C-alpha atoms as a PDB file:
ATOM      1  CA  UNK A   1     -89.686  12.233 111.798  1.00  0.00           C
ATOM      2  CA  UNK A   2     -86.864  14.343 111.341  1.00  0.00           C
ATOM      3  CA  UNK A   3     -85.273  15.418 108.529  1.00  0.00           C
ATOM      4  CA  UNK A   4     -82.080  14.139 106.886  1.00  0.00           C
ATOM      5  CA  UNK A   5     -78.806  15.765 107.631  1.00  0.00           C
ATOM      6  CA  UNK A   6     -75.699  15.982 105.428  1.00  0.00           C
ATOM      7  CA  UNK A   7     -72.712  17.284 105.517  1.00  0.00           C
ATOM      8  CA  UNK A   8     -73.510  20.922 103.684  1.00  0.00           C
ATOM      9  CA  UNK A   9     -75.687  21.327 106.867  1.00  0.00           C
ATOM     10  CA  UNK A  10     -73.030  21.502 109.082  1.00  0.00           C
ATOM     11  CA  UNK A  11     -71.040  24.015 106.561  1.00  0.00           C
ATOM     12  CA  UNK A  12     -74.105  25.728 106.280  1.00  0.00           C
ATOM     13  CA  UNK A  13     -74.211  25.617 110.350  1.00  0.00           C
ATOM     14  CA  UNK A  14     -70.927  27.139 110.719  1.00  0.00           C
ATOM     15  CA  UNK A  15     -71.013  29.373 108.112  1.00  0.00           C
ATOM     16  CA  UNK A  16     -74.433  30.998 109.855  1.00  0.00           C
ATOM     17  CA  UNK A  17     -72.818  31.704 112.645  1.00  0.00           C
ATOM     18  CA  UNK A  18     -69.390  33.193 110.881  1.00  0.00           C
ATOM     19  CA  UNK A  19     -71.444  35.341 108.316  1.00  0.00           C
ATOM     20  CA  UNK A  20     -75.168  35.868 109.332  1.00  0.00           C
ATOM     21  CA  UNK A  21     -75.305  38.686 107.282  1.00  0.00           C
ATOM     22  CA  UNK A  22     -75.289  36.517 103.644  1.00  0.00           C
ATOM     23  CA  UNK A  23     -78.340  34.506 102.143  1.00  0.00           C
ATOM     24  CA  UNK A  24     -76.641  30.909 102.257  1.00  0.00           C
ATOM     25  CA  UNK A  25     -79.490  29.648 100.273  1.00  0.00           C
ATOM     26  CA  UNK A  26     -76.954  29.271  97.106  1.00  0.00           C
ATOM     27  CA  UNK A  27     -74.708  27.649  99.035  1.00  0.00           C
ATOM     28  CA  UNK A  28     -77.527  25.192  99.977  1.00  0.00           C
ATOM     29  CA  UNK A  29     -77.709  24.254  96.855  1.00  0.00           C
ATOM     30  CA  UNK A  30     -74.597  24.259  94.827  1.00  0.00           C
ATOM     31  CA  UNK A  31     -72.498  22.737  98.002  1.00  0.00           C
ATOM     32  CA  UNK A  32     -75.227  19.746  97.239  1.00  0.00           C
ATOM     33  CA  UNK A  33     -74.571  19.776  93.620  1.00  0.00           C
ATOM     34  CA  UNK A  34     -70.942  19.541  93.337  1.00  0.00           C
ATOM     35  CA  UNK A  35     -70.996  16.864  95.948  1.00  0.00           C
ATOM     36  CA  UNK A  36     -73.236  15.049  93.680  1.00  0.00           C
ATOM     37  CA  UNK A  37     -70.876  16.077  90.986  1.00  0.00           C
ATOM     38  CA  UNK A  38     -68.163  14.268  92.444  1.00  0.00           C
ATOM     39  CA  UNK A  39     -70.070  11.076  93.187  1.00  0.00           C
ATOM     40  CA  UNK A  40     -71.094  10.982  89.388  1.00  0.00           C
ATOM     41  CA  UNK A  41     -67.555  11.469  88.539  1.00  0.00           C
ATOM     42  CA  UNK A  42     -66.244   8.791  90.592  1.00  0.00           C
ATOM     43  CA  UNK A  43     -69.567   6.484  89.231  1.00  0.00           C
ATOM     44  CA  UNK A  44     -68.843   7.266  85.607  1.00  0.00           C
ATOM     45  CA  UNK A  45     -64.907   6.734  86.103  1.00  0.00           C
ATOM     46  CA  UNK A  46     -66.007   3.261  87.236  1.00  0.00           C
ATOM     47  CA  UNK A  47     -68.258   2.603  84.520  1.00  0.00           C
ATOM     48  CA  UNK A  48     -65.945   4.066  81.988  1.00  0.00           C
ATOM     49  CA  UNK A  49     -62.755   1.991  83.660  1.00  0.00           C
ATOM     50  CA  UNK A  50     -64.749  -1.482  83.941  1.00  0.00           C
ATOM     51  CA  UNK A  51     -64.608  -0.887  80.141  1.00  0.00           C
ATOM     52  CA  UNK A  52     -61.464  -0.391  79.230  1.00  0.00           C
ATOM     53  CA  UNK A  53     -62.000   3.325  78.022  1.00  0.00           C
ATOM     54  CA  UNK A  54     -61.628   6.461  79.752  1.00  0.00           C
ATOM     55  CA  UNK A  55     -64.471   9.632  79.973  1.00  0.00           C
ATOM     56  CA  UNK A  56     -63.063  11.694  77.039  1.00  0.00           C
ATOM     57  CA  UNK A  57     -63.255   8.343  74.675  1.00  0.00           C
ATOM     58  CA  UNK A  58     -66.598   7.689  76.069  1.00  0.00           C
ATOM     59  CA  UNK A  59     -67.652  11.153  74.684  1.00  0.00           C
ATOM     60  CA  UNK A  60     -66.707  10.730  71.416  1.00  0.00           C
ATOM     61  CA  UNK A  61     -67.634   7.250  70.856  1.00  0.00           C
ATOM     62  CA  UNK A  62     -71.347   7.903  72.290  1.00  0.00           C
ATOM     63  CA  UNK A  63     -71.564  10.915  70.000  1.00  0.00           C
ATOM     64  CA  UNK A  64     -70.863   8.324  67.075  1.00  0.00           C
ATOM     65  CA  UNK A  65     -73.329   5.659  68.667  1.00  0.00           C
ATOM     66  CA  UNK A  66     -76.136   8.664  68.966  1.00  0.00           C
ATOM     67  CA  UNK A  67     -75.659   9.476  65.385  1.00  0.00           C
ATOM     68  CA  UNK A  68     -77.117   6.289  64.068  1.00  0.00           C
ATOM     69  CA  UNK A  69     -75.909   3.985  61.480  1.00  0.00           C
ATOM     70  CA  UNK A  70     -73.447   4.023  59.964  1.00  0.00           C
ATOM     71  CA  UNK A  71     -72.104   5.317  63.682  1.00  0.00           C
ATOM     72  CA  UNK A  72     -70.407   8.556  61.428  1.00  0.00           C
ATOM     73  CA  UNK A  73     -69.982  12.231  61.466  1.00  0.00           C
ATOM     74  CA  UNK A  74     -67.584  14.629  60.561  1.00  0.00           C
ATOM     75  CA  UNK A  75     -65.043  16.161  62.355  1.00  0.00           C
ATOM     76  CA  UNK A  76     -67.047  19.148  62.677  1.00  0.00           C
ATOM     77  CA  UNK A  77     -70.313  17.515  64.099  1.00  0.00           C
ATOM     78  CA  UNK A  78     -67.911  15.963  66.699  1.00  0.00           C
ATOM     79  CA  UNK A  79     -66.540  19.473  67.985  1.00  0.00           C
ATOM     80  CA  UNK A  80     -70.116  20.366  68.619  1.00  0.00           C
ATOM     81  CA  UNK A  81     -71.535  16.983  70.172  1.00  0.00           C
ATOM     82  CA  UNK A  82     -68.011  17.138  72.396  1.00  0.00           C
ATOM     83  CA  UNK A  83     -67.123  20.896  73.136  1.00  0.00           C
ATOM     84  CA  UNK A  84     -63.849  20.714  72.627  1.00  0.00           C
ATOM     85  CA  UNK A  85     -61.495  22.474  70.394  1.00  0.00           C
ATOM     86  CA  UNK A  86     -60.187  21.029  66.520  1.00  0.00           C
ATOM     87  CA  UNK A  87     -56.495  20.162  67.681  1.00  0.00           C
ATOM     88  CA  UNK A  88     -58.109  18.160  70.787  1.00  0.00           C
ATOM     89  CA  UNK A  89     -60.508  16.196  68.499  1.00  0.00           C
ATOM     90  CA  UNK A  90     -57.648  15.435  66.106  1.00  0.00           C
ATOM     91  CA  UNK A  91     -55.522  14.058  68.654  1.00  0.00           C
ATOM     92  CA  UNK A  92     -58.591  12.283  70.306  1.00  0.00           C
ATOM     93  CA  UNK A  93     -59.776  10.652  67.264  1.00  0.00           C
ATOM     94  CA  UNK A  94     -55.983   9.494  65.934  1.00  0.00           C
ATOM     95  CA  UNK A  95     -56.245   7.903  69.498  1.00  0.00           C
ATOM     96  CA  UNK A  96     -59.337   6.145  69.449  1.00  0.00           C
ATOM     97  CA  UNK A  97     -58.309   4.965  65.638  1.00  0.00           C
ATOM     98  CA  UNK A  98     -55.219   3.751  66.880  1.00  0.00           C
ATOM     99  CA  UNK A  99     -57.117   1.663  69.631  1.00  0.00           C
ATOM    100  CA  UNK A 100     -59.440   0.243  66.542  1.00  0.00           C
ATOM    101  CA  UNK A 101     -62.229   2.037  68.263  1.00  0.00           C
ATOM    102  CA  UNK A 102     -62.958   4.383  65.350  1.00  0.00           C
ATOM    103  CA  UNK A 103     -61.633   5.185  61.651  1.00  0.00           C
ATOM    104  CA  UNK A 104     -61.604   7.373  59.261  1.00  0.00           C
ATOM    105  CA  UNK A 105     -63.469   7.700  55.884  1.00  0.00           C
ATOM    106  CA  UNK A 106     -63.154  10.009  52.785  1.00  0.00           C
ATOM    107  CA  UNK A 107     -66.454  12.212  52.782  1.00  0.00           C
ATOM    108  CA  UNK A 108     -68.560  11.605  49.422  1.00  0.00           C
ATOM    109  CA  UNK A 109     -70.490  14.558  50.016  1.00  0.00           C
ATOM    110  CA  UNK A 110     -66.838  16.700  50.057  1.00  0.00           C
ATOM    111  CA  UNK A 111     -63.703  15.694  48.250  1.00  0.00           C
ATOM    112  CA  UNK A 112     -61.585  17.130  50.962  1.00  0.00           C
ATOM    113  CA  UNK A 113     -63.738  15.875  54.066  1.00  0.00           C
ATOM    114  CA  UNK A 114     -63.049  12.740  55.891  1.00  0.00           C
ATOM    115  CA  UNK A 115     -66.243  11.424  58.166  1.00  0.00           C
ATOM    116  CA  UNK A 116     -65.534   9.515  61.726  1.00  0.00           C
ATOM    117  CA  UNK A 117     -67.070   5.795  61.939  1.00  0.00           C
ATOM    118  CA  UNK A 118     -67.436   3.787  64.768  1.00  0.00           C
ATOM    119  CA  UNK A 119     -65.998  -0.121  64.085  1.00  0.00           C
ATOM    120  CA  UNK A 120     -67.685  -2.913  65.579  1.00  0.00           C
ATOM    121  CA  UNK A 121     -65.283  -2.881  68.774  1.00  0.00           C
ATOM    122  CA  UNK A 122     -65.897   0.968  69.339  1.00  0.00           C
ATOM    123  CA  UNK A 123     -70.057   0.563  69.291  1.00  0.00           C
ATOM    124  CA  UNK A 124     -69.541  -2.778  71.568  1.00  0.00           C
ATOM    125  CA  UNK A 125     -67.413  -0.669  73.807  1.00  0.00           C
ATOM    126  CA  UNK A 126     -69.753   2.646  74.171  1.00  0.00           C
ATOM    127  CA  UNK A 127     -72.537  -0.530  74.275  1.00  0.00           C
ATOM    128  CA  UNK A 128     -70.807  -1.859  77.378  1.00  0.00           C
ATOM    129  CA  UNK A 129     -69.984   1.350  78.969  1.00  0.00           C
ATOM    130  CA  UNK A 130     -73.152   2.961  78.640  1.00  0.00           C
ATOM    131  CA  UNK A 131     -75.264   0.242  80.083  1.00  0.00           C
ATOM    132  CA  UNK A 132     -72.903   0.266  83.180  1.00  0.00           C
ATOM    133  CA  UNK A 133     -73.075   4.070  83.779  1.00  0.00           C
ATOM    134  CA  UNK A 134     -76.723   3.569  83.595  1.00  0.00           C
ATOM    135  CA  UNK A 135     -76.585   1.017  86.036  1.00  0.00           C
ATOM    136  CA  UNK A 136     -74.561   2.881  88.232  1.00  0.00           C
ATOM    137  CA  UNK A 137     -76.386   6.079  88.020  1.00  0.00           C
ATOM    138  CA  UNK A 138     -79.641   4.310  88.643  1.00  0.00           C
ATOM    139  CA  UNK A 139     -77.909   3.433  92.156  1.00  0.00           C
ATOM    140  CA  UNK A 140     -77.244   6.866  92.673  1.00  0.00           C
ATOM    141  CA  UNK A 141     -80.939   7.858  92.521  1.00  0.00           C
ATOM    142  CA  UNK A 142     -82.358   4.828  94.482  1.00  0.00           C
ATOM    143  CA  UNK A 143     -83.380   6.800  97.100  1.00  0.00           C
ATOM    144  CA  UNK A 144     -85.706   9.073  95.327  1.00  0.00           C
ATOM    145  CA  UNK A 145     -89.461   7.939  93.700  1.00  0.00           C
ATOM    146  CA  UNK A 146     -90.358   8.451  90.286  1.00  0.00           C
ATOM    147  CA  UNK A 147     -91.892  11.650  90.959  1.00  0.00           C
ATOM    148  CA  UNK A 148     -89.130  13.280  92.973  1.00  0.00           C
ATOM    149  CA  UNK A 149     -86.882  12.046  89.976  1.00  0.00           C
ATOM    150  CA  UNK A 150     -89.417  14.156  87.237  1.00  0.00           C
ATOM    151  CA  UNK A 151     -89.201  16.979  89.728  1.00  0.00           C
ATOM    152  CA  UNK A 152     -85.785  17.016  89.861  1.00  0.00           C
ATOM    153  CA  UNK A 153     -84.935  16.449  86.188  1.00  0.00           C
ATOM    154  CA  UNK A 154     -87.538  19.838  85.527  1.00  0.00           C
ATOM    155  CA  UNK A 155     -85.759  21.813  88.425  1.00  0.00           C
ATOM    156  CA  UNK A 156     -82.426  20.760  86.757  1.00  0.00           C
ATOM    157  CA  UNK A 157     -83.386  21.912  83.433  1.00  0.00           C
ATOM    158  CA  UNK A 158     -84.517  25.164  84.443  1.00  0.00           C
ATOM    159  CA  UNK A 159     -81.407  25.790  86.293  1.00  0.00           C
ATOM    160  CA  UNK A 160     -79.277  24.469  83.252  1.00  0.00           C
ATOM    161  CA  UNK A 161     -81.714  26.481  80.850  1.00  0.00           C
ATOM    162  CA  UNK A 162     -79.383  29.759  80.554  1.00  0.00           C
ATOM    163  CA  UNK A 163     -76.343  27.909  79.538  1.00  0.00           C
ATOM    164  CA  UNK A 164     -78.073  25.967  76.252  1.00  0.00           C
ATOM    165  CA  UNK A 165     -77.777  27.073  73.273  1.00  0.00           C
END
């Protein structure tokens, strides 16, 4: 049985011809990861657009949803969950509040603080978008067996581990 080929194989052949002195192993891996990331980004955008939210909105809403009932976090915890700056988070919460997807409440544990809470509309939006995202991502994985998926998950975890933390 012949091996499945993709566009990266042609790229590698061209580089090997032009730069036989270089180890092209990283290109074989990361060019495929970059191409896959493009397809994942497109699937995410389609899933979110179908539920009238943008990717950044999903990130904030999903952080609140994962927090569990009553689906609220302090702005500081939202910053850590979404890896954005304080100014960016303030802008995002303002925009989500204007759309009725989140609301601010006084923090009972800190008289100066606020908590950002998911509204029922926000919960509905993030739940629908997440279900659509999972369907799209399942479609991207359809060619892999369960064992291959587990192997890939482990390899990606290992590759990402130096960046965690």
